[in-house]
Amino acid sequence: MPTSLWEGKYNGSKQIVITPDFNSTCVHADLWVPVKAGYDGFSAYGYNQ
């Protein structure tokens, strides 16, 4: 089990960031999913289905 996000990324895991704005975390992510502000609850419900 990786102890940090960087170690997990080095071992081959993918990082997905779900946020409405592009920030410093998104730079290092493999996938950035921009959601509209206010619709994040609907998106989270859809991801869990």
PDB file of N, CA and C in Angstrom:
ATOM      1  N   MET A   1       0.848  -1.177   0.000  1.00  0.00           N
ATOM      2  CA  MET A   1       0.000   0.000   0.000  1.00  0.00           C
ATOM      3  C   MET A   1       0.897   1.244   0.000  1.00  0.00           C
ATOM      4  N   PRO A   2       0.681   2.138  -0.957  1.00  0.00           N
ATOM      5  CA  PRO A   2       1.513   3.345  -1.003  1.00  0.00           C
ATOM      6  C   PRO A   2       1.244   4.252   0.198  1.00  0.00           C
ATOM      7  N   THR A   3       2.284   4.897   0.657  1.00  0.00           N
ATOM      8  CA  THR A   3       2.152   5.795   1.807  1.00  0.00           C
ATOM      9  C   THR A   3       1.924   7.237   1.390  1.00  0.00           C
ATOM     10  N   SER A   4       2.104   7.549   0.134  1.00  0.00           N
ATOM     11  CA  SER A   4       1.874   8.912  -0.340  1.00  0.00           C
ATOM     12  C   SER A   4       1.322   8.865  -1.764  1.00  0.00           C
ATOM     13  N   LEU A   5       0.768   9.978  -2.218  1.00  0.00           N
ATOM     14  CA  LEU A   5       0.236  10.037  -3.571  1.00  0.00           C
ATOM     15  C   LEU A   5       1.337   9.876  -4.612  1.00  0.00           C
ATOM     16  N   TRP A   6       2.500  10.436  -4.351  1.00  0.00           N
ATOM     17  CA  TRP A   6       3.601  10.344  -5.315  1.00  0.00           C
ATOM     18  C   TRP A   6       4.079   8.905  -5.445  1.00  0.00           C
ATOM     19  N   GLU A   7       4.123   8.191  -4.340  1.00  0.00           N
ATOM     20  CA  GLU A   7       4.550   6.794  -4.384  1.00  0.00           C
ATOM     21  C   GLU A   7       3.534   5.952  -5.161  1.00  0.00           C
ATOM     22  N   GLY A   8       2.259   6.240  -4.962  1.00  0.00           N
ATOM     23  CA  GLY A   8       1.227   5.532  -5.708  1.00  0.00           C
ATOM     24  C   GLY A   8       1.314   5.818  -7.196  1.00  0.00           C
ATOM     25  N   LYS A   9       1.564   7.060  -7.557  1.00  0.00           N
ATOM     26  CA  LYS A   9       1.708   7.430  -8.969  1.00  0.00           C
ATOM     27  C   LYS A   9       2.929   6.750  -9.579  1.00  0.00           C
ATOM     28  N   TYR A  10       3.993   6.674  -8.831  1.00  0.00           N
ATOM     29  CA  TYR A  10       5.201   6.002  -9.307  1.00  0.00           C
ATOM     30  C   TYR A  10       4.943   4.516  -9.540  1.00  0.00           C
ATOM     31  N   ASN A  11       4.099   3.917  -8.698  1.00  0.00           N
ATOM     32  CA  ASN A  11       3.787   2.499  -8.818  1.00  0.00           C
ATOM     33  C   ASN A  11       2.744   2.208  -9.888  1.00  0.00           C
ATOM     34  N   GLY A  12       2.215   3.245 -10.552  1.00  0.00           N
ATOM     35  CA  GLY A  12       1.327   3.016 -11.675  1.00  0.00           C
ATOM     36  C   GLY A  12      -0.131   3.377 -11.467  1.00  0.00           C
ATOM     37  N   SER A  13      -0.482   3.902 -10.311  1.00  0.00           N
ATOM     38  CA  SER A  13      -1.880   4.275 -10.103  1.00  0.00           C
ATOM     39  C   SER A  13      -2.198   5.578 -10.834  1.00  0.00           C
ATOM     40  N   LYS A  14      -3.456   5.767 -11.147  1.00  0.00           N
ATOM     41  CA  LYS A  14      -3.908   6.973 -11.834  1.00  0.00           C
ATOM     42  C   LYS A  14      -4.560   7.912 -10.830  1.00  0.00           C
ATOM     43  N   GLN A  15      -4.330   9.201 -10.997  1.00  0.00           N
ATOM     44  CA  GLN A  15      -4.918  10.206 -10.117  1.00  0.00           C
ATOM     45  C   GLN A  15      -5.945  11.000 -10.891  1.00  0.00           C
ATOM     46  N   ILE A  16      -7.153  11.050 -10.353  1.00  0.00           N
ATOM     47  CA  ILE A  16      -8.247  11.789 -10.965  1.00  0.00           C
ATOM     48  C   ILE A  16      -8.661  12.894 -10.007  1.00  0.00           C
ATOM     49  N   VAL A  17      -8.706  14.126 -10.511  1.00  0.00           N
ATOM     50  CA  VAL A  17      -9.090  15.280  -9.702  1.00  0.00           C
ATOM     51  C   VAL A  17     -10.434  15.791 -10.217  1.00  0.00           C
ATOM     52  N   ILE A  18     -11.400  15.917  -9.316  1.00  0.00           N
ATOM     53  CA  ILE A  18     -12.732  16.421  -9.659  1.00  0.00           C
ATOM     54  C   ILE A  18     -12.913  17.743  -8.936  1.00  0.00           C
ATOM     55  N   THR A  19     -12.784  18.843  -9.679  1.00  0.00           N
ATOM     56  CA  THR A  19     -12.887  20.179  -9.106  1.00  0.00           C
ATOM     57  C   THR A  19     -13.292  21.165 -10.197  1.00  0.00           C
ATOM     58  N   PRO A  20     -14.028  22.205  -9.863  1.00  0.00           N
ATOM     59  CA  PRO A  20     -14.445  23.150 -10.898  1.00  0.00           C
ATOM     60  C   PRO A  20     -13.324  24.054 -11.413  1.00  0.00           C
ATOM     61  N   ASP A  21     -12.296  24.273 -10.623  1.00  0.00           N
ATOM     62  CA  ASP A  21     -11.215  25.166 -11.056  1.00  0.00           C
ATOM     63  C   ASP A  21      -9.918  24.390 -11.263  1.00  0.00           C
ATOM     64  N   PHE A  22      -9.109  24.848 -12.189  1.00  0.00           N
ATOM     65  CA  PHE A  22      -7.810  24.228 -12.459  1.00  0.00           C
ATOM     66  C   PHE A  22      -6.805  24.807 -11.469  1.00  0.00           C
ATOM     67  N   ASN A  23      -6.293  23.965 -10.572  1.00  0.00           N
ATOM     68  CA  ASN A  23      -5.375  24.444  -9.542  1.00  0.00           C
ATOM     69  C   ASN A  23      -4.081  23.639  -9.558  1.00  0.00           C
ATOM     70  N   SER A  24      -3.256  23.833  -8.565  1.00  0.00           N
ATOM     71  CA  SER A  24      -1.942  23.187  -8.549  1.00  0.00           C
ATOM     72  C   SER A  24      -2.036  21.671  -8.407  1.00  0.00           C
ATOM     73  N   THR A  25      -3.097  21.160  -7.841  1.00  0.00           N
ATOM     74  CA  THR A  25      -3.278  19.718  -7.739  1.00  0.00           C
ATOM     75  C   THR A  25      -3.576  19.114  -9.108  1.00  0.00           C
ATOM     76  N   CYS A  26      -4.307  19.836  -9.931  1.00  0.00           N
ATOM     77  CA  CYS A  26      -4.677  19.343 -11.260  1.00  0.00           C
ATOM     78  C   CYS A  26      -3.485  19.210 -12.184  1.00  0.00           C
ATOM     79  N   VAL A  27      -2.448  19.964 -11.943  1.00  0.00           N
ATOM     80  CA  VAL A  27      -1.263  19.918 -12.798  1.00  0.00           C
ATOM     81  C   VAL A  27      -0.649  18.526 -12.786  1.00  0.00           C
ATOM     82  N   HIS A  28      -0.644  17.872 -11.651  1.00  0.00           N
ATOM     83  CA  HIS A  28      -0.005  16.567 -11.501  1.00  0.00           C
ATOM     84  C   HIS A  28      -0.968  15.400 -11.702  1.00  0.00           C
ATOM     85  N   ALA A  29      -2.239  15.668 -11.924  1.00  0.00           N
ATOM     86  CA  ALA A  29      -3.222  14.605 -12.076  1.00  0.00           C
ATOM     87  C   ALA A  29      -3.189  14.027 -13.492  1.00  0.00           C
ATOM     88  N   ASP A  30      -3.613  12.786 -13.617  1.00  0.00           N
ATOM     89  CA  ASP A  30      -3.722  12.162 -14.921  1.00  0.00           C
ATOM     90  C   ASP A  30      -5.008  12.575 -15.623  1.00  0.00           C
ATOM     91  N   LEU A  31      -6.040  12.872 -14.856  1.00  0.00           N
ATOM     92  CA  LEU A  31      -7.314  13.267 -15.430  1.00  0.00           C
ATOM     93  C   LEU A  31      -7.944  14.348 -14.561  1.00  0.00           C
ATOM     94  N   TRP A  32      -8.339  15.448 -15.183  1.00  0.00           N
ATOM     95  CA  TRP A  32      -9.038  16.529 -14.481  1.00  0.00           C
ATOM     96  C   TRP A  32     -10.467  16.559 -14.993  1.00  0.00           C
ATOM     97  N   VAL A  33     -11.427  16.411 -14.088  1.00  0.00           N
ATOM     98  CA  VAL A  33     -12.839  16.430 -14.439  1.00  0.00           C
ATOM     99  C   VAL A  33     -13.431  17.741 -13.927  1.00  0.00           C
ATOM    100  N   PRO A  34     -13.647  18.710 -14.821  1.00  0.00           N
ATOM    101  CA  PRO A  34     -14.232  19.977 -14.379  1.00  0.00           C
ATOM    102  C   PRO A  34     -15.745  19.831 -14.238  1.00  0.00           C
ATOM    103  N   VAL A  35     -16.278  20.155 -13.078  1.00  0.00           N
ATOM    104  CA  VAL A  35     -17.721  20.130 -12.854  1.00  0.00           C
ATOM    105  C   VAL A  35     -18.205  21.559 -12.666  1.00  0.00           C
ATOM    106  N   LYS A  36     -19.442  21.794 -13.009  1.00  0.00           N
ATOM    107  CA  LYS A  36     -20.023  23.110 -12.781  1.00  0.00           C
ATOM    108  C   LYS A  36     -20.252  23.302 -11.292  1.00  0.00           C
ATOM    109  N   ALA A  37     -19.972  24.486 -10.810  1.00  0.00           N
ATOM    110  CA  ALA A  37     -20.207  24.786  -9.400  1.00  0.00           C
ATOM    111  C   ALA A  37     -21.700  24.650  -9.114  1.00  0.00           C
ATOM    112  N   GLY A  38     -22.028  23.932  -8.069  1.00  0.00           N
ATOM    113  CA  GLY A  38     -23.417  23.692  -7.717  1.00  0.00           C
ATOM    114  C   GLY A  38     -23.929  22.350  -8.183  1.00  0.00           C
ATOM    115  N   TYR A  39     -23.249  21.725  -9.141  1.00  0.00           N
ATOM    116  CA  TYR A  39     -23.662  20.427  -9.666  1.00  0.00           C
ATOM    117  C   TYR A  39     -22.771  19.296  -9.169  1.00  0.00           C
ATOM    118  N   ASP A  40     -21.874  19.580  -8.251  1.00  0.00           N
ATOM    119  CA  ASP A  40     -20.955  18.558  -7.785  1.00  0.00           C
ATOM    120  C   ASP A  40     -21.659  17.442  -7.028  1.00  0.00           C
ATOM    121  N   GLY A  41     -22.742  17.738  -6.348  1.00  0.00           N
ATOM    122  CA  GLY A  41     -23.511  16.695  -5.661  1.00  0.00           C
ATOM    123  C   GLY A  41     -24.128  15.717  -6.638  1.00  0.00           C
ATOM    124  N   PHE A  42     -24.654  16.231  -7.746  1.00  0.00           N
ATOM    125  CA  PHE A  42     -25.215  15.359  -8.778  1.00  0.00           C
ATOM    126  C   PHE A  42     -24.131  14.511  -9.415  1.00  0.00           C
ATOM    127  N   SER A  43     -22.954  15.098  -9.610  1.00  0.00           N
ATOM    128  CA  SER A  43     -21.840  14.354 -10.202  1.00  0.00           C
ATOM    129  C   SER A  43     -21.392  13.239  -9.278  1.00  0.00           C
ATOM    130  N   ALA A  44     -21.275  13.517  -7.996  1.00  0.00           N
ATOM    131  CA  ALA A  44     -20.864  12.498  -7.031  1.00  0.00           C
ATOM    132  C   ALA A  44     -21.884  11.368  -6.974  1.00  0.00           C
ATOM    133  N   TYR A  45     -23.152  11.704  -7.043  1.00  0.00           N
ATOM    134  CA  TYR A  45     -24.182  10.672  -7.046  1.00  0.00           C
ATOM    135  C   TYR A  45     -24.070   9.823  -8.296  1.00  0.00           C
ATOM    136  N   GLY A  46     -23.780  10.430  -9.430  1.00  0.00           N
ATOM    137  CA  GLY A  46     -23.633   9.691 -10.676  1.00  0.00           C
ATOM    138  C   GLY A  46     -22.412   8.800 -10.686  1.00  0.00           C
ATOM    139  N   TYR A  47     -21.302   9.224 -10.068  1.00  0.00           N
ATOM    140  CA  TYR A  47     -20.095   8.426 -10.026  1.00  0.00           C
ATOM    141  C   TYR A  47     -20.289   7.192  -9.167  1.00  0.00           C
ATOM    142  N   ASN A  48     -21.133   7.283  -8.164  1.00  0.00           N
ATOM    143  CA  ASN A  48     -21.335   6.158  -7.240  1.00  0.00           C
ATOM    144  C   ASN A  48     -22.315   5.124  -7.771  1.00  0.00           C
ATOM    145  N   GLN A  49     -22.992   5.423  -8.829  1.00  0.00           N
ATOM    146  CA  GLN A  49     -23.979   4.478  -9.378  1.00  0.00           C
ATOM    147  C   GLN A  49     -23.331   3.446 -10.245  1.00  0.00           C
TER     148      GLN A  49
END
